Amino acid sequence: MQTICIAMDDKMLAAALAVPRISRPICPEETLRIRQHFHQARSRAYPAWYLFGCRAKEVEGLVELYLRQGYQVFLTPASLLQPKIHYQIIDVQFCGLSFSTYQALIRQQIQVLGYLPEKFSSKAVLAGYLKKSGGQKYLPAQKVYYHNSALFLPQSKDGVYILKSPFGAAGRNNNGNHYTVWLREALEKELPAVLAGLPEGEGVICSEFIITNDPSAAHADHVVHKMHFIGAKPYGTICQRFIHWCDWQNLRKQGVLALPDFIGEPFITIGTVEQITGFYDFAAALAFQAGRIIYSADFMVPSDGIPRFLESNKLGATFAERFDPSMPALIDAYADLPIGKF
């Protein structure tokens, strides 16, 4: 019987197993016992849904589907993934993996699933690859600054900017602080101090703040679309939409606001990407993130109708959500892909 090891970010795996921390691999026998206890339990943290399913979400989960395919299933925290290991297949969909470790595993003829190069965790790198794919028009006007960068701002017809770190996610920088939104005058004044405070070699992205005017969302001025991808293609036609109304009065008063203070809490609903002109050309430009992987891509559609890419997330918290009730949850569709297809 073949063995497969599901590696997961240490904190995610600990949350999935409802323990403070996990510092050892879980063997197939113990995986089975945990699966019997956790399978389809609605009250567990969302990483448990990825592994063991959730009845309320109609998700089976990676462990269940790999067991049905006849594999012995190990679980391990990502920090224990070393070049000298003896699994036949390793699934790294829910963790990062350095290129050197990936190469070492391949040299041992270990099949690696769910791998995306670690450099793609940087928004700046993603933007660079999107440009190379002919997708310059799908990017907001933006610039990456470092400690000694020139101080000119990228273009912005509305004079509004957002600052974020290349490795941030979910509206937060890698240091845990929120992204910030600035009026041009305030940013021009404070940018020298912002750059002076950057550690050597660390960058910050300054991007025009995309403003929408969505007629299907009461003309909301900040609508973020989150679309699932599997391999190099969008998964179905249904996306999730985060609809916000911005606090312009407070921004004009303060000059700068933390992102959640400016856009407020979202109204979350679904939409169809088939109504977005040029969406499939946009999606094709993201095909550099190909392979046996799943990820979600965040984008916005300003009044010119051309999607603007914000970021993609391989460890997103929506893979157990079924945007389209006629299709399986993304994590189940991924687990059912023939191994070796990509």
Protein backbone atom coordinates (compact mmCIF):
# COMPACT_ATOMS: atom_id res chain seq x y z
CA MET A 1 0.00 0.00 0.00
CA GLN A 2 1.37 3.41 -0.94
CA THR A 3 1.97 6.06 1.71
CA ILE A 4 1.11 9.73 1.45
CA CYS A 5 2.12 12.39 3.94
CA ILE A 6 0.04 15.53 4.30
CA ALA A 7 2.31 18.32 5.54
CA MET A 8 0.65 21.35 7.07
CA ASP A 9 1.83 24.65 8.50
CA ASP A 10 2.66 23.97 12.16
CA LYS A 11 0.05 26.34 13.60
CA MET A 12 -2.63 25.19 11.16
CA LEU A 13 -2.01 21.53 12.01
CA ALA A 14 -2.08 22.26 15.73
CA ALA A 15 -5.41 24.06 15.27
CA ALA A 16 -6.75 21.17 13.18
CA LEU A 17 -5.82 18.68 15.92
CA ALA A 18 -7.05 20.99 18.71
CA VAL A 19 -3.68 20.99 20.51
CA PRO A 20 -1.41 23.91 21.53
CA ARG A 21 1.42 22.66 19.31
CA ILE A 22 2.44 19.59 17.34
CA SER A 23 6.10 18.56 17.12
CA ARG A 24 6.01 15.03 15.71
CA PRO A 25 4.63 13.18 12.70
CA ILE A 26 1.31 11.35 13.03
CA CYS A 27 1.42 7.75 11.80
CA PRO A 28 -1.39 6.18 9.70
CA GLU A 29 -2.91 4.32 12.66
CA GLU A 30 -3.13 7.50 14.72
CA THR A 31 -4.41 9.42 11.71
CA LEU A 32 -7.27 6.92 11.45
CA ARG A 33 -8.13 7.35 15.14
CA ILE A 34 -8.10 11.14 14.84
CA ARG A 35 -10.16 10.96 11.67
CA GLN A 36 -12.84 8.88 13.41
CA HIS A 37 -13.02 11.51 16.15
CA PHE A 38 -12.91 14.65 13.99
CA HIS A 39 -14.50 13.63 10.68
CA GLN A 40 -17.30 16.03 9.69
CA ALA A 41 -17.22 17.86 13.04
CA ARG A 42 -18.66 21.35 12.47
CA SER A 43 -17.29 22.83 15.70
CA ARG A 44 -13.61 22.40 14.77
CA ALA A 45 -11.31 25.15 13.50
CA TYR A 46 -11.33 25.52 9.71
CA PRO A 47 -7.96 23.70 9.15
CA ALA A 48 -9.68 20.59 10.52
CA TRP A 49 -12.25 20.91 7.71
CA TYR A 50 -9.45 20.70 5.15
CA LEU A 51 -8.18 17.45 6.67
CA PHE A 52 -11.25 15.77 8.16
CA GLY A 53 -14.22 17.40 6.46
CA CYS A 54 -17.21 19.32 7.75
CA ARG A 55 -20.79 18.13 7.43
CA ALA A 56 -22.25 21.67 7.49
CA LYS A 57 -19.95 22.67 4.62
CA GLU A 58 -20.49 19.37 2.77
CA VAL A 59 -16.73 18.78 2.68
CA GLU A 60 -15.05 15.37 2.92
CA GLY A 61 -11.46 16.54 3.43
CA LEU A 62 -8.00 15.43 2.31
CA VAL A 63 -7.57 12.58 4.80
CA GLU A 64 -10.90 10.98 3.97
CA LEU A 65 -10.43 11.16 0.22
CA TYR A 66 -6.85 9.89 0.28
CA LEU A 67 -7.96 6.99 2.49
CA ARG A 68 -10.67 6.13 -0.05
CA GLN A 69 -8.00 6.06 -2.74
CA GLY A 70 -6.18 3.39 -0.79
CA TYR A 71 -3.30 5.38 0.72
CA GLN A 72 -1.86 5.09 4.18
CA VAL A 73 -1.99 8.68 5.41
CA PHE A 74 0.63 10.36 7.57
CA LEU A 75 0.30 13.88 8.97
CA THR A 76 3.28 16.07 9.78
CA PRO A 77 4.01 19.68 10.74
CA ALA A 78 5.84 21.50 7.97
CA SER A 79 8.84 22.24 10.18
CA LEU A 80 9.67 18.51 10.23
CA LEU A 81 9.86 18.20 6.45
CA GLN A 82 13.53 17.43 5.86
CA PRO A 83 15.34 16.21 2.73
CA LYS A 84 16.00 12.78 4.29
CA ILE A 85 12.52 11.33 4.71
CA HIS A 86 10.93 8.16 3.42
CA TYR A 87 7.39 8.90 2.27
CA GLN A 88 6.41 7.95 -1.28
CA ILE A 89 4.16 11.00 -1.80
CA ILE A 90 4.10 14.30 0.10
CA ASP A 91 1.27 16.81 -0.18
CA VAL A 92 2.43 20.35 0.68
CA GLN A 93 -0.72 22.22 -0.36
CA PHE A 94 -1.09 23.65 3.14
CA CYS A 95 2.47 24.68 3.84
CA GLY A 96 5.47 26.29 2.22
CA LEU A 97 8.45 24.33 0.96
CA SER A 98 11.87 25.72 0.13
CA PHE A 99 13.19 25.12 -3.36
CA SER A 100 16.24 23.28 -2.01
CA THR A 101 14.07 20.87 0.00
CA TYR A 102 11.79 20.39 -3.01
CA GLN A 103 14.77 19.51 -5.19
CA ALA A 104 16.12 17.11 -2.57
CA LEU A 105 12.77 15.30 -2.37
CA ILE A 106 12.53 15.03 -6.16
CA ARG A 107 16.05 13.57 -6.30
CA GLN A 108 14.85 10.86 -3.92
CA GLN A 109 12.00 10.15 -6.38
CA ILE A 110 9.42 11.34 -3.85
CA GLN A 111 6.35 12.74 -5.56
CA VAL A 112 5.45 16.21 -4.27
CA LEU A 113 1.87 17.47 -4.57
CA GLY A 114 0.58 21.00 -3.99
CA TYR A 115 3.96 22.67 -4.46
CA LEU A 116 4.23 26.34 -5.38
CA PRO A 117 7.66 28.03 -5.28
CA GLU A 118 8.11 29.97 -2.07
CA LYS A 119 8.98 33.13 -4.02
CA PHE A 120 5.31 33.35 -5.04
CA SER A 121 4.45 34.32 -1.47
CA SER A 122 5.70 37.82 -2.40
CA LYS A 123 3.19 40.18 -4.04
CA ALA A 124 6.10 41.90 -5.78
CA VAL A 125 7.24 38.61 -7.35
CA LEU A 126 3.67 37.78 -8.40
CA ALA A 127 3.37 41.18 -10.05
CA GLY A 128 6.64 40.57 -11.90
CA TYR A 129 5.45 37.23 -13.25
CA LEU A 130 2.11 38.72 -14.24
CA LYS A 131 3.95 41.37 -16.26
CA LYS A 132 6.02 38.66 -17.96
CA SER A 133 2.76 36.88 -18.86
CA GLY A 134 1.58 40.00 -20.70
CA GLY A 135 -0.63 41.02 -17.80
CA GLN A 136 0.66 44.55 -17.12
CA LYS A 137 -2.84 45.98 -17.66
CA TYR A 138 -4.18 43.74 -14.87
CA LEU A 139 -1.97 45.39 -12.23
CA PRO A 140 -2.69 48.60 -10.32
CA ALA A 141 -0.12 51.33 -10.80
CA GLN A 142 2.38 50.49 -8.09
CA LYS A 143 6.00 50.70 -6.99
CA VAL A 144 8.13 48.71 -4.56
CA TYR A 145 10.17 50.94 -2.25
CA TYR A 146 13.26 50.09 -0.23
CA HIS A 147 15.24 52.02 2.35
CA ASN A 148 17.04 54.18 -0.24
CA SER A 149 14.42 54.34 -3.04
CA ALA A 150 13.53 57.50 -4.94
CA LEU A 151 10.45 59.14 -3.41
CA PHE A 152 8.21 59.64 -6.45
CA LEU A 153 4.75 58.07 -6.22
CA PRO A 154 3.10 55.83 -8.81
CA GLN A 155 0.23 57.23 -10.84
CA SER A 156 -3.19 57.53 -9.22
CA LYS A 157 -5.99 59.47 -10.89
CA ASP A 158 -7.84 59.63 -7.56
CA GLY A 159 -4.80 60.56 -5.45
CA VAL A 160 -5.37 57.66 -3.03
CA TYR A 161 -2.76 55.00 -2.21
CA ILE A 162 -2.40 51.81 -0.20
CA LEU A 163 0.82 50.73 1.51
CA LYS A 164 1.42 47.02 2.20
CA SER A 165 4.33 44.68 2.67
CA PRO A 166 5.20 42.21 -0.10
CA PHE A 167 4.51 39.26 2.20
CA GLY A 168 1.30 40.41 3.85
CA ALA A 169 -2.12 38.76 3.54
CA ALA A 170 -5.73 39.34 4.58
CA GLY A 171 -5.15 43.08 4.92
CA ARG A 172 -2.17 42.75 7.27
CA ASN A 173 1.56 43.17 6.76
CA ASN A 174 4.02 40.46 7.72
CA ASN A 175 4.56 42.25 11.06
CA GLY A 176 0.85 41.94 11.86
CA ASN A 177 -0.01 45.59 11.33
CA HIS A 178 -2.83 46.57 8.98
CA TYR A 179 -2.29 47.87 5.48
CA THR A 180 -2.73 51.64 5.40
CA VAL A 181 -4.62 53.94 2.98
CA TRP A 182 -3.26 57.42 2.26
CA LEU A 183 -4.22 60.62 0.51
CA ARG A 184 -1.50 61.84 -1.84
CA GLU A 185 -0.55 64.92 0.21
CA ALA A 186 -0.19 62.95 3.46
CA LEU A 187 1.85 60.20 1.81
CA GLU A 188 4.20 62.63 0.06
CA LYS A 189 4.88 64.18 3.45
CA GLU A 190 5.36 60.93 5.40
CA LEU A 191 6.95 58.63 2.81
CA PRO A 192 10.54 59.60 3.71
CA ALA A 193 9.91 58.59 7.32
CA VAL A 194 8.22 55.35 6.24
CA LEU A 195 11.21 54.37 4.10
CA ALA A 196 13.69 55.44 6.77
CA GLY A 197 12.02 53.00 9.14
CA LEU A 198 12.38 50.02 6.79
CA PRO A 199 14.95 47.40 7.81
CA GLU A 200 17.78 46.90 5.33
CA GLY A 201 16.58 44.81 2.36
CA GLU A 202 12.91 44.94 3.36
CA GLY A 203 10.46 46.55 0.97
CA VAL A 204 7.01 48.10 0.98
CA ILE A 205 4.55 48.23 -1.91
CA CYS A 206 2.82 51.50 -2.70
CA SER A 207 -0.16 50.97 -5.00
CA GLU A 208 -2.94 53.15 -6.30
CA PHE A 209 -6.07 52.41 -4.28
CA ILE A 210 -8.56 50.83 -6.67
CA ILE A 211 -12.02 52.40 -6.54
CA THR A 212 -15.04 50.60 -7.93
CA ASN A 213 -18.54 51.71 -8.84
CA ASP A 214 -20.33 48.39 -8.84
CA PRO A 215 -23.93 48.69 -10.09
CA SER A 216 -24.69 45.17 -8.82
CA ALA A 217 -23.63 46.20 -5.29
CA ALA A 218 -25.44 49.54 -4.84
CA HIS A 219 -22.46 51.24 -6.57
CA ALA A 220 -20.12 50.23 -3.74
CA ASP A 221 -16.69 51.84 -4.03
CA HIS A 222 -14.60 48.88 -2.84
CA VAL A 223 -15.59 45.41 -4.06
CA VAL A 224 -13.01 42.61 -3.84
CA HIS A 225 -13.57 39.41 -5.80
CA LYS A 226 -12.04 36.15 -4.51
CA MET A 227 -11.85 33.41 -7.15
CA HIS A 228 -10.72 29.84 -6.64
CA PHE A 229 -8.21 28.32 -9.05
CA ILE A 230 -7.25 24.69 -9.50
CA GLY A 231 -4.12 24.11 -11.50
CA ALA A 232 -3.90 26.90 -14.06
CA LYS A 233 -7.66 27.37 -14.46
CA PRO A 234 -10.49 29.05 -12.54
CA TYR A 235 -12.60 26.60 -10.59
CA GLY A 236 -16.09 27.05 -12.00
CA THR A 237 -17.65 30.45 -12.61
CA ILE A 238 -18.73 31.50 -9.11
CA CYS A 239 -16.59 33.82 -6.97
CA GLN A 240 -16.96 35.35 -3.55
CA ARG A 241 -17.48 39.11 -3.32
CA PHE A 242 -16.47 41.32 -0.38
CA ILE A 243 -18.48 44.54 -0.66
CA HIS A 244 -17.31 47.63 1.26
CA TRP A 245 -18.28 51.29 1.46
CA CYS A 246 -15.32 53.53 2.22
CA ASP A 247 -15.15 56.24 4.90
CA TRP A 248 -14.02 59.10 2.67
CA GLN A 249 -14.94 61.78 5.20
CA ASN A 250 -12.61 60.32 7.83
CA LEU A 251 -9.79 59.76 5.31
CA ARG A 252 -9.97 63.38 4.16
CA LYS A 253 -9.86 64.46 7.80
CA GLN A 254 -6.98 62.21 8.89
CA GLY A 255 -4.96 61.84 5.68
CA VAL A 256 -4.18 58.20 6.50
CA LEU A 257 -6.25 55.33 7.91
CA ALA A 258 -5.68 51.68 8.65
CA LEU A 259 -7.36 49.66 5.90
CA PRO A 260 -10.20 48.25 8.06
CA ASP A 261 -10.95 51.72 9.43
CA PHE A 262 -11.33 53.01 5.89
CA ILE A 263 -13.26 50.19 4.19
CA GLY A 264 -15.19 48.89 7.22
CA GLU A 265 -16.72 45.45 7.58
CA PRO A 266 -17.67 43.72 4.33
CA PHE A 267 -20.98 42.42 3.15
CA ILE A 268 -20.03 39.01 1.72
CA THR A 269 -21.95 37.48 -1.15
CA ILE A 270 -21.26 35.58 -4.37
CA GLY A 271 -21.08 36.61 -8.00
CA THR A 272 -20.28 35.14 -11.38
CA VAL A 273 -17.06 35.92 -13.25
CA GLU A 274 -18.83 35.36 -16.56
CA GLN A 275 -20.27 38.87 -16.15
CA ILE A 276 -16.76 40.37 -16.02
CA THR A 277 -15.52 41.33 -19.48
CA GLY A 278 -12.07 39.92 -20.10
CA PHE A 279 -11.99 37.76 -16.97
CA TYR A 280 -10.73 34.66 -18.79
CA ASP A 281 -7.89 36.59 -20.42
CA PHE A 282 -7.01 37.84 -16.95
CA ALA A 283 -7.15 34.30 -15.57
CA ALA A 284 -4.92 33.03 -18.39
CA ALA A 285 -2.28 35.57 -17.39
CA LEU A 286 -2.17 33.94 -13.91
CA ALA A 287 -1.35 30.53 -15.38
CA PHE A 288 2.28 30.80 -14.21
CA GLN A 289 0.91 29.48 -10.90
CA ALA A 290 0.27 26.11 -12.54
CA GLY A 291 0.56 22.58 -11.18
CA ARG A 292 -1.44 20.29 -8.91
CA ILE A 293 -2.30 23.15 -6.58
CA ILE A 294 -5.24 25.21 -5.43
CA TYR A 295 -5.21 28.89 -4.58
CA SER A 296 -7.51 31.87 -4.41
CA ALA A 297 -6.89 35.07 -6.35
CA ASP A 298 -8.16 38.45 -5.14
CA PHE A 299 -8.96 41.08 -7.74
CA MET A 300 -11.07 44.21 -8.25
CA VAL A 301 -12.87 45.64 -11.26
CA PRO A 302 -12.75 49.45 -11.53
CA SER A 303 -14.97 51.46 -13.82
CA ASP A 304 -12.89 50.67 -16.94
CA GLY A 305 -13.96 47.02 -16.60
CA ILE A 306 -10.42 45.59 -16.60
CA PRO A 307 -9.69 43.33 -13.58
CA ARG A 308 -6.85 44.45 -11.30
CA PHE A 309 -4.92 41.71 -9.51
CA LEU A 310 -4.30 42.22 -5.79
CA GLU A 311 -2.80 38.99 -4.49
CA SER A 312 -3.15 35.23 -4.49
CA ASN A 313 -3.15 32.94 -1.47
CA LYS A 314 -2.23 29.28 -1.42
CA LEU A 315 -3.16 28.93 2.26
CA GLY A 316 -6.51 30.69 2.04
CA ALA A 317 -9.32 30.07 4.52
CA THR A 318 -12.05 29.55 1.90
CA PHE A 319 -11.14 26.18 0.40
CA ALA A 320 -13.85 24.43 2.39
CA GLU A 321 -16.49 26.89 1.17
CA ARG A 322 -18.72 25.88 -1.73
CA PHE A 323 -19.34 29.06 -3.69
CA ASP A 324 -21.21 27.04 -6.33
CA PRO A 325 -23.54 24.45 -4.71
CA SER A 326 -23.48 22.40 -7.93
CA MET A 327 -19.73 21.76 -7.56
CA PRO A 328 -17.69 20.00 -4.85
CA ALA A 329 -15.77 22.10 -2.36
CA LEU A 330 -12.40 23.03 -3.83
CA ILE A 331 -10.40 20.96 -1.33
CA ASP A 332 -12.38 17.83 -2.32
CA ALA A 333 -11.93 18.49 -6.04
CA TYR A 334 -8.20 18.88 -5.44
CA ALA A 335 -7.94 15.64 -3.44
CA ASP A 336 -9.78 13.75 -6.19
CA LEU A 337 -7.38 14.85 -8.94
CA PRO A 338 -5.46 11.88 -10.34
CA ILE A 339 -2.01 11.92 -8.78
CA GLY A 340 0.59 12.46 -11.46
CA LYS A 341 -1.82 14.29 -13.78
CA PHE A 342 0.03 17.63 -13.57
